Amino acid sequence: MIPYIVTFSLTILFTYIAQRMFKCEENEKKQKRNIRLILGIFFSILAILIPVLLAGFRDETIGADVTVYVKKVLERTTFGLSFSEFNKLNSSTDFLYNVLNYLVSFITTDLNSFMFIVELIIVSLVFATIYYYRDKSPMWVGMMIFLLMYYNRSLNLIRQSISLAITFYAFKYLREKSTIRYFLTIIIAMLFHNSAIITGIMYFVYHLIKNKKTSKTKIFFLTILICLLLVNYGSILKIFINVGILPAKYSRYIPTGEIDFVVSESLMKIVFMLPILYYRKSLCKYNDDNEFIIFMIIIDFILMQAGILSGYAQRISFYFGYYYILLIPQLYKVLSKKRYNVINFLYTLGLCVYWYYMFVVLSYGKTYPYTSTILGIF
């Protein structure tokens, strides 16, 4: 557990320092600003590299999917196949993931190097997003939430974690009303993991909610509509598979009635949502994006409950739950310092308990205990 604790602590610390360096006063001299900018970039690189190195140095047993497909696909790049042949051989994995493997193989076929590159993509995109949103949401809190909720998952759900990071970054284009860039980014995410198709609805939801003419009644009925679609997503999956949008392998995610419901995660989401819903008016007044973001975490919670029908619902929920990374830190901006310190302490404690229970006790994704032959950690 020590490797994770040290990594998380240093990453959060360096993110905090980077944030302080990027915050320049208006009356600062140009030379001082440039020094602060250089230091901000330096500490940002450190904040990104530390969790990336931990991921790259890990043994192949850390993360169940590494031995399931990551290692196998990478090894096939040594067969001397053309990309067309390689892609056909790996038809069970998504197109851009195969492209990434094929391109990396020109440099190295070392598994640790590949895992380093994959994690670099994920962490860099998450960091870039919280940096973009830094004026609204403190960076270090956002990074803490990513590390405790999603970092260990990224060591296991490789393809989806790349897709999650890409769709999270796409929020930038929603805010900038750059429709073409948004959908191009979503398409790229889909080519890493088909499940990203669900994020296409975010564009329409965002603009509907942001439209001041949209009544609360319409938003209410929109929530009901999305809930109905999610409840019946098994039938929708069948249609997507039949028309060829999704490959046949996704038939295993069609609800079977088997229970795959993580009580601890649902309880955590309730605890997280209560302060947000209580301070909803203040959050929305401070930042008009928050009405949309709160909507996203409500959908995330509904999908978590749909885990009773299928574990795939929980995996889809990650696309919506990622918005906690931007939302929770904003409580810092709308609460008094004393109140925020209490809530932040409770959130931090809750996240630590959640991380310990999910990834240590339940060993979700098989990322604990951490071992590394390279670092001599056994």
Protein backbone atom coordinates (compact mmCIF):
# COMPACT_ATOMS: atom_id res chain seq x y z
CA MET A 1 0.00 0.00 0.00
CA ILE A 2 2.96 2.31 0.61
CA PRO A 3 3.74 2.78 -3.14
CA TYR A 4 0.21 4.09 -3.71
CA ILE A 5 0.24 6.33 -0.62
CA VAL A 6 3.59 7.90 -1.55
CA THR A 7 2.56 8.32 -5.21
CA PHE A 8 -0.80 9.89 -4.39
CA SER A 9 0.67 12.21 -1.75
CA LEU A 10 3.45 13.50 -4.01
CA THR A 11 1.12 13.89 -6.99
CA ILE A 12 -1.38 15.94 -4.97
CA LEU A 13 1.41 18.04 -3.46
CA PHE A 14 3.04 18.81 -6.83
CA THR A 15 -0.37 19.59 -8.36
CA TYR A 16 -1.02 22.04 -5.53
CA ILE A 17 2.38 23.73 -6.04
CA ALA A 18 1.82 23.88 -9.82
CA GLN A 19 -1.56 25.53 -9.25
CA ARG A 20 0.02 28.13 -6.98
CA MET A 21 2.70 28.86 -9.58
CA PHE A 22 0.13 29.34 -12.36
CA LYS A 23 -1.77 31.88 -10.27
CA CYS A 24 -0.07 35.19 -11.09
CA GLU A 25 -0.98 38.59 -9.70
CA GLU A 26 -1.86 41.36 -12.16
CA ASN A 27 0.86 43.69 -10.87
CA GLU A 28 3.63 41.07 -11.09
CA LYS A 29 6.61 41.85 -13.30
CA LYS A 30 6.97 39.91 -16.55
CA GLN A 31 10.20 38.24 -15.41
CA LYS A 32 8.59 36.97 -12.21
CA ARG A 33 5.59 35.72 -14.16
CA ASN A 34 7.85 33.80 -16.53
CA ILE A 35 9.67 32.18 -13.60
CA ARG A 36 6.37 31.17 -12.02
CA LEU A 37 5.18 29.78 -15.36
CA ILE A 38 8.33 27.68 -15.76
CA LEU A 39 7.99 26.38 -12.19
CA GLY A 40 4.30 25.65 -12.81
CA ILE A 41 5.16 23.58 -15.89
CA PHE A 42 7.97 21.80 -14.01
CA PHE A 43 5.75 20.75 -11.10
CA SER A 44 2.96 19.80 -13.53
CA ILE A 45 5.34 17.43 -15.29
CA LEU A 46 6.30 15.92 -11.92
CA ALA A 47 2.62 15.55 -10.94
CA ILE A 48 1.92 13.70 -14.19
CA LEU A 49 5.06 11.57 -14.27
CA ILE A 50 4.88 10.14 -10.74
CA PRO A 51 1.62 8.13 -11.18
CA VAL A 52 2.62 7.33 -14.78
CA LEU A 53 5.95 5.85 -13.64
CA LEU A 54 4.20 3.78 -10.96
CA ALA A 55 1.92 2.38 -13.67
CA GLY A 56 4.81 1.75 -16.06
CA PHE A 57 6.99 -0.03 -13.49
CA ARG A 58 4.27 -2.42 -12.33
CA ASP A 59 4.34 -6.16 -12.90
CA GLU A 60 1.99 -7.65 -15.47
CA THR A 61 -0.09 -9.13 -12.63
CA ILE A 62 -1.20 -5.65 -11.53
CA GLY A 63 -4.47 -5.10 -13.36
CA ALA A 64 -6.48 -8.13 -14.47
CA ASP A 65 -6.80 -6.92 -18.08
CA VAL A 66 -3.03 -6.75 -18.54
CA THR A 67 -2.78 -10.53 -18.85
CA VAL A 68 -6.25 -10.86 -20.43
CA TYR A 69 -5.46 -8.80 -23.55
CA VAL A 70 -2.85 -6.04 -23.07
CA LYS A 71 0.17 -8.35 -23.09
CA LYS A 72 -1.28 -10.62 -25.80
CA VAL A 73 -2.06 -7.81 -28.24
CA LEU A 74 1.36 -6.22 -27.77
CA GLU A 75 3.11 -9.55 -28.34
CA ARG A 76 1.29 -9.95 -31.68
CA THR A 77 3.06 -6.84 -32.98
CA THR A 78 6.21 -9.01 -33.19
CA PHE A 79 4.61 -11.40 -35.72
CA GLY A 80 5.71 -9.24 -38.69
CA LEU A 81 2.13 -8.62 -39.85
CA SER A 82 0.83 -5.67 -41.86
CA PHE A 83 -1.50 -3.41 -39.91
CA SER A 84 -4.50 -4.79 -41.77
CA GLU A 85 -3.55 -8.34 -40.77
CA PHE A 86 -2.72 -7.24 -37.22
CA ASN A 87 -6.04 -5.43 -36.83
CA LYS A 88 -7.93 -8.47 -38.14
CA LEU A 89 -6.09 -10.75 -35.73
CA ASN A 90 -7.09 -8.45 -32.85
CA SER A 91 -10.69 -7.91 -33.92
CA SER A 92 -11.87 -8.26 -30.32
CA THR A 93 -10.09 -5.02 -29.37
CA ASP A 94 -10.97 -1.58 -30.69
CA PHE A 95 -9.40 -0.02 -33.77
CA LEU A 96 -7.43 2.86 -32.24
CA TYR A 97 -6.16 0.64 -29.46
CA ASN A 98 -4.72 -1.62 -32.17
CA VAL A 99 -3.28 1.43 -33.92
CA LEU A 100 -1.61 2.51 -30.67
CA ASN A 101 -0.05 -0.93 -30.19
CA TYR A 102 1.15 -1.04 -33.78
CA LEU A 103 2.73 2.43 -33.65
CA VAL A 104 4.38 1.85 -30.27
CA SER A 105 5.88 -1.41 -31.59
CA PHE A 106 8.08 0.63 -33.98
CA ILE A 107 9.78 2.04 -30.87
CA THR A 108 9.47 -0.80 -28.36
CA THR A 109 7.59 -4.02 -27.66
CA ASP A 110 8.42 -3.88 -23.96
CA LEU A 111 5.25 -4.29 -21.88
CA ASN A 112 6.34 -1.86 -19.15
CA SER A 113 7.11 0.83 -21.72
CA PHE A 114 3.70 0.32 -23.31
CA MET A 115 1.93 0.57 -19.92
CA PHE A 116 3.89 3.78 -19.27
CA ILE A 117 2.68 5.28 -22.58
CA VAL A 118 -0.93 4.29 -21.94
CA GLU A 119 -0.95 5.83 -18.46
CA LEU A 120 0.80 8.94 -19.78
CA ILE A 121 -2.10 9.46 -22.20
CA ILE A 122 -4.69 8.98 -19.42
CA VAL A 123 -3.10 11.12 -16.70
CA SER A 124 -2.05 13.88 -19.13
CA LEU A 125 -5.61 14.28 -20.43
CA VAL A 126 -7.07 14.35 -16.91
CA PHE A 127 -4.45 16.87 -15.79
CA ALA A 128 -5.03 19.02 -18.90
CA THR A 129 -8.76 19.09 -18.14
CA ILE A 130 -8.40 20.14 -14.51
CA TYR A 131 -5.82 22.73 -15.63
CA TYR A 132 -8.29 24.11 -18.18
CA TYR A 133 -10.91 24.38 -15.43
CA ARG A 134 -8.51 25.70 -12.77
CA ASP A 135 -10.21 29.10 -12.39
CA LYS A 136 -13.41 27.37 -11.30
CA SER A 137 -12.13 24.22 -9.63
CA PRO A 138 -8.95 23.80 -7.51
CA MET A 139 -6.59 21.47 -9.36
CA TRP A 140 -5.16 19.56 -6.43
CA VAL A 141 -8.59 18.49 -5.15
CA GLY A 142 -9.56 17.33 -8.64
CA MET A 143 -6.36 15.29 -8.92
CA MET A 144 -6.99 13.74 -5.50
CA ILE A 145 -10.46 12.63 -6.60
CA PHE A 146 -9.07 11.12 -9.82
CA LEU A 147 -6.38 9.21 -7.94
CA LEU A 148 -8.69 7.78 -5.29
CA MET A 149 -11.62 6.98 -7.59
CA TYR A 150 -10.18 6.21 -11.01
CA TYR A 151 -6.41 5.71 -10.97
CA ASN A 152 -6.50 2.05 -9.89
CA ARG A 153 -9.23 1.41 -12.42
CA SER A 154 -6.95 2.80 -15.13
CA LEU A 155 -4.42 0.07 -14.28
CA ASN A 156 -7.05 -2.51 -15.15
CA LEU A 157 -9.68 -1.10 -17.54
CA ILE A 158 -7.03 0.02 -20.01
CA ARG A 159 -9.02 0.77 -23.15
CA GLN A 160 -11.99 2.26 -21.35
CA SER A 161 -9.75 4.41 -19.17
CA ILE A 162 -8.21 5.96 -22.29
CA SER A 163 -11.72 6.53 -23.60
CA LEU A 164 -12.84 8.04 -20.27
CA ALA A 165 -9.93 10.48 -20.22
CA ILE A 166 -10.62 11.55 -23.81
CA THR A 167 -14.35 12.17 -23.22
CA PHE A 168 -13.51 14.04 -20.02
CA TYR A 169 -11.18 16.31 -21.99
CA ALA A 170 -13.96 16.80 -24.57
CA PHE A 171 -15.87 18.81 -21.94
CA LYS A 172 -13.57 21.67 -22.95
CA TYR A 173 -15.16 21.71 -26.40
CA LEU A 174 -18.66 21.64 -24.94
CA ARG A 175 -17.89 24.83 -23.01
CA GLU A 176 -16.30 26.45 -26.04
CA LYS A 177 -19.29 25.47 -28.23
CA SER A 178 -16.94 23.76 -30.66
CA THR A 179 -19.33 21.16 -32.04
CA ILE A 180 -17.02 19.65 -34.65
CA ARG A 181 -14.11 19.27 -32.23
CA TYR A 182 -16.39 17.78 -29.59
CA PHE A 183 -17.81 15.06 -31.82
CA LEU A 184 -14.41 14.33 -33.39
CA THR A 185 -13.05 13.82 -29.87
CA ILE A 186 -15.96 11.54 -28.98
CA ILE A 187 -15.38 9.50 -32.16
CA ILE A 188 -11.71 9.10 -31.18
CA ALA A 189 -12.83 7.91 -27.73
CA MET A 190 -15.28 5.45 -29.32
CA LEU A 191 -12.46 4.00 -31.42
CA PHE A 192 -10.64 3.18 -28.20
CA HIS A 193 -13.76 1.79 -26.49
CA ASN A 194 -17.20 1.58 -28.09
CA SER A 195 -18.96 2.38 -24.82
CA ALA A 196 -18.04 6.07 -25.33
CA ILE A 197 -20.98 6.30 -27.76
CA ILE A 198 -23.13 7.08 -24.70
CA THR A 199 -21.34 10.42 -24.25
CA GLY A 200 -22.82 11.71 -27.49
CA ILE A 201 -25.99 12.59 -25.58
CA MET A 202 -23.99 14.95 -23.36
CA TYR A 203 -23.78 17.50 -26.16
CA PHE A 204 -27.57 17.81 -26.46
CA VAL A 205 -28.13 17.69 -22.69
CA TYR A 206 -25.52 20.41 -22.11
CA HIS A 207 -27.02 22.84 -24.63
CA LEU A 208 -30.58 22.12 -23.50
CA ILE A 209 -29.72 22.83 -19.86
CA LYS A 210 -27.61 25.89 -20.73
CA ASN A 211 -30.48 27.35 -22.74
CA LYS A 212 -32.15 29.84 -20.41
CA LYS A 213 -35.45 29.27 -22.20
CA THR A 214 -35.46 25.63 -21.13
CA SER A 215 -37.94 25.19 -18.32
CA LYS A 216 -37.35 23.08 -15.25
CA THR A 217 -40.23 20.91 -16.45
CA LYS A 218 -38.35 20.03 -19.65
CA ILE A 219 -35.25 19.17 -17.65
CA PHE A 220 -37.38 16.98 -15.39
CA PHE A 221 -38.85 15.11 -18.35
CA LEU A 222 -35.38 14.85 -19.91
CA THR A 223 -34.21 13.15 -16.72
CA ILE A 224 -37.16 10.74 -16.89
CA LEU A 225 -36.45 10.01 -20.57
CA ILE A 226 -32.76 9.28 -19.98
CA CYS A 227 -33.66 7.10 -16.99
CA LEU A 228 -36.09 5.11 -19.14
CA LEU A 229 -33.44 4.68 -21.82
CA LEU A 230 -30.94 3.51 -19.23
CA VAL A 231 -33.38 1.10 -17.63
CA ASN A 232 -33.99 -0.42 -21.06
CA TYR A 233 -30.40 -0.24 -22.25
CA GLY A 234 -30.35 -4.05 -22.71
CA SER A 235 -32.83 -3.75 -25.57
CA ILE A 236 -30.86 -0.80 -26.98
CA LEU A 237 -27.67 -2.88 -26.85
CA LYS A 238 -29.38 -5.62 -28.83
CA ILE A 239 -30.39 -3.12 -31.52
CA PHE A 240 -26.86 -1.66 -31.71
CA ILE A 241 -25.39 -5.16 -32.03
CA ASN A 242 -27.92 -6.19 -34.69
CA VAL A 243 -27.29 -3.15 -36.89
CA GLY A 244 -23.52 -3.42 -36.47
CA ILE A 245 -22.82 -0.32 -34.35
CA LEU A 246 -21.43 -2.55 -31.60
CA PRO A 247 -19.60 -5.86 -32.13
CA ALA A 248 -21.17 -9.16 -31.04
CA LYS A 249 -18.84 -9.36 -28.01
CA TYR A 250 -21.03 -6.74 -26.27
CA SER A 251 -23.90 -9.24 -26.07
CA ARG A 252 -22.38 -10.43 -22.80
CA TYR A 253 -23.35 -7.07 -21.26
CA ILE A 254 -27.04 -7.55 -21.95
CA PRO A 255 -28.83 -7.86 -18.58
CA THR A 256 -29.33 -11.45 -17.44
CA GLY A 257 -30.86 -10.76 -14.05
CA GLU A 258 -27.59 -11.51 -12.27
CA ILE A 259 -26.81 -9.03 -9.52
CA ASP A 260 -23.62 -7.00 -9.88
CA PHE A 261 -24.37 -4.26 -7.37
CA VAL A 262 -21.61 -2.66 -5.30
CA VAL A 263 -23.33 -1.39 -2.15
CA SER A 264 -20.25 0.48 -0.91
CA GLU A 265 -19.97 2.53 -4.08
CA SER A 266 -23.66 3.43 -4.06
CA LEU A 267 -23.45 4.50 -0.43
CA MET A 268 -20.40 6.60 -1.22
CA LYS A 269 -22.20 8.30 -4.09
CA ILE A 270 -25.11 9.15 -1.79
CA VAL A 271 -22.73 10.69 0.75
CA PHE A 272 -20.99 12.65 -2.02
CA MET A 273 -24.24 13.88 -3.53
CA LEU A 274 -25.85 15.17 -0.34
CA PRO A 275 -23.61 18.27 0.17
CA ILE A 276 -23.70 18.96 -3.58
CA LEU A 277 -27.50 18.86 -3.70
CA TYR A 278 -27.75 20.87 -0.48
CA TYR A 279 -25.52 23.61 -1.90
CA ARG A 280 -26.86 23.23 -5.43
CA LYS A 281 -28.14 26.81 -5.72
CA SER A 282 -24.83 28.27 -4.56
CA LEU A 283 -22.88 26.01 -6.94
CA CYS A 284 -25.09 26.92 -9.92
CA LYS A 285 -24.91 30.62 -9.06
CA TYR A 286 -21.12 30.44 -8.89
CA ASN A 287 -20.77 28.50 -12.15
CA ASP A 288 -23.57 28.01 -14.67
CA ASP A 289 -21.92 24.79 -15.92
CA ASN A 290 -22.80 23.16 -12.63
CA GLU A 291 -26.44 22.56 -13.48
CA PHE A 292 -25.22 20.29 -16.27
CA ILE A 293 -22.50 18.71 -14.11
CA ILE A 294 -24.97 17.97 -11.30
CA PHE A 295 -27.26 16.40 -13.88
CA MET A 296 -24.35 14.15 -14.92
CA ILE A 297 -23.71 12.88 -11.40
CA ILE A 298 -27.42 12.14 -10.95
CA ILE A 299 -27.29 9.99 -14.10
CA ASP A 300 -24.13 8.38 -12.71
CA PHE A 301 -25.99 7.42 -9.54
CA ILE A 302 -28.95 5.99 -11.47
CA LEU A 303 -26.60 3.89 -13.58
CA MET A 304 -24.88 2.63 -10.45
CA GLN A 305 -28.23 1.25 -9.27
CA ALA A 306 -28.76 -0.37 -12.67
CA GLY A 307 -25.79 -2.54 -11.70
CA ILE A 308 -28.46 -4.82 -10.24
CA LEU A 309 -29.23 -5.77 -13.85
CA SER A 310 -25.71 -5.82 -15.29
CA GLY A 311 -22.17 -4.79 -14.43
CA TYR A 312 -22.00 -2.99 -17.77
CA ALA A 313 -24.27 -0.26 -16.35
CA GLN A 314 -21.64 0.49 -13.74
CA ARG A 315 -18.92 0.77 -16.38
CA ILE A 316 -21.09 3.21 -18.38
CA SER A 317 -21.60 5.25 -15.21
CA PHE A 318 -17.89 6.12 -15.14
CA TYR A 319 -18.40 8.53 -18.05
CA PHE A 320 -20.81 10.53 -15.89
CA GLY A 321 -19.11 10.00 -12.53
CA TYR A 322 -15.87 11.54 -13.86
CA TYR A 323 -17.52 14.94 -13.39
CA TYR A 324 -17.04 14.64 -9.64
CA ILE A 325 -13.43 15.58 -10.43
CA LEU A 326 -14.63 19.07 -11.43
CA LEU A 327 -17.62 19.48 -9.14
CA ILE A 328 -16.49 18.58 -5.62
CA PRO A 329 -13.53 21.04 -5.64
CA GLN A 330 -15.93 23.90 -6.42
CA LEU A 331 -17.38 23.63 -2.93
CA TYR A 332 -14.14 25.39 -1.96
CA LYS A 333 -15.36 28.44 -3.89
CA VAL A 334 -18.91 28.63 -2.55
CA LEU A 335 -18.49 27.74 1.12
CA SER A 336 -16.90 29.62 3.96
CA LYS A 337 -13.37 28.45 4.71
CA LYS A 338 -14.47 26.81 7.97
CA ARG A 339 -17.35 24.90 6.37
CA TYR A 340 -15.25 23.86 3.40
CA ASN A 341 -12.47 22.55 5.63
CA VAL A 342 -14.98 20.31 7.41
CA ILE A 343 -16.59 19.05 4.19
CA ASN A 344 -13.23 18.62 2.45
CA PHE A 345 -11.96 16.60 5.41
CA LEU A 346 -15.06 14.37 5.29
CA TYR A 347 -14.77 13.95 1.50
CA THR A 348 -11.07 13.09 1.78
CA LEU A 349 -11.73 10.63 4.58
CA GLY A 350 -14.61 9.07 2.65
CA LEU A 351 -12.52 8.76 -0.52
CA CYS A 352 -9.66 7.13 1.40
CA VAL A 353 -12.05 4.64 3.02
CA TYR A 354 -13.65 3.97 -0.36
CA TRP A 355 -10.26 3.44 -2.05
CA TYR A 356 -9.12 1.11 0.72
CA TYR A 357 -12.34 -0.92 0.68
CA MET A 358 -12.67 -1.18 -3.12
CA PHE A 359 -9.06 -1.70 -4.14
CA VAL A 360 -7.46 -3.25 -1.05
CA VAL A 361 -10.22 -5.22 0.70
CA LEU A 362 -12.25 -6.20 -2.40
CA SER A 363 -9.17 -6.12 -4.66
CA TYR A 364 -11.22 -4.58 -7.46
CA GLY A 365 -9.33 -4.93 -10.75
CA LYS A 366 -6.52 -6.86 -9.06
CA THR A 367 -4.30 -3.80 -8.53
CA TYR A 368 -3.38 -4.58 -4.92
CA PRO A 369 -0.92 -5.52 -3.56
CA TYR A 370 1.37 -3.50 -5.82
CA THR A 371 4.44 -5.39 -7.03
CA SER A 372 7.27 -4.30 -9.29
CA THR A 373 10.26 -6.42 -10.27
CA ILE A 374 11.89 -3.27 -11.68
CA LEU A 375 11.58 -1.36 -8.38
CA GLY A 376 12.25 -4.41 -6.25
CA ILE A 377 8.78 -4.33 -4.63
CA PHE A 378 7.46 -7.82 -3.98
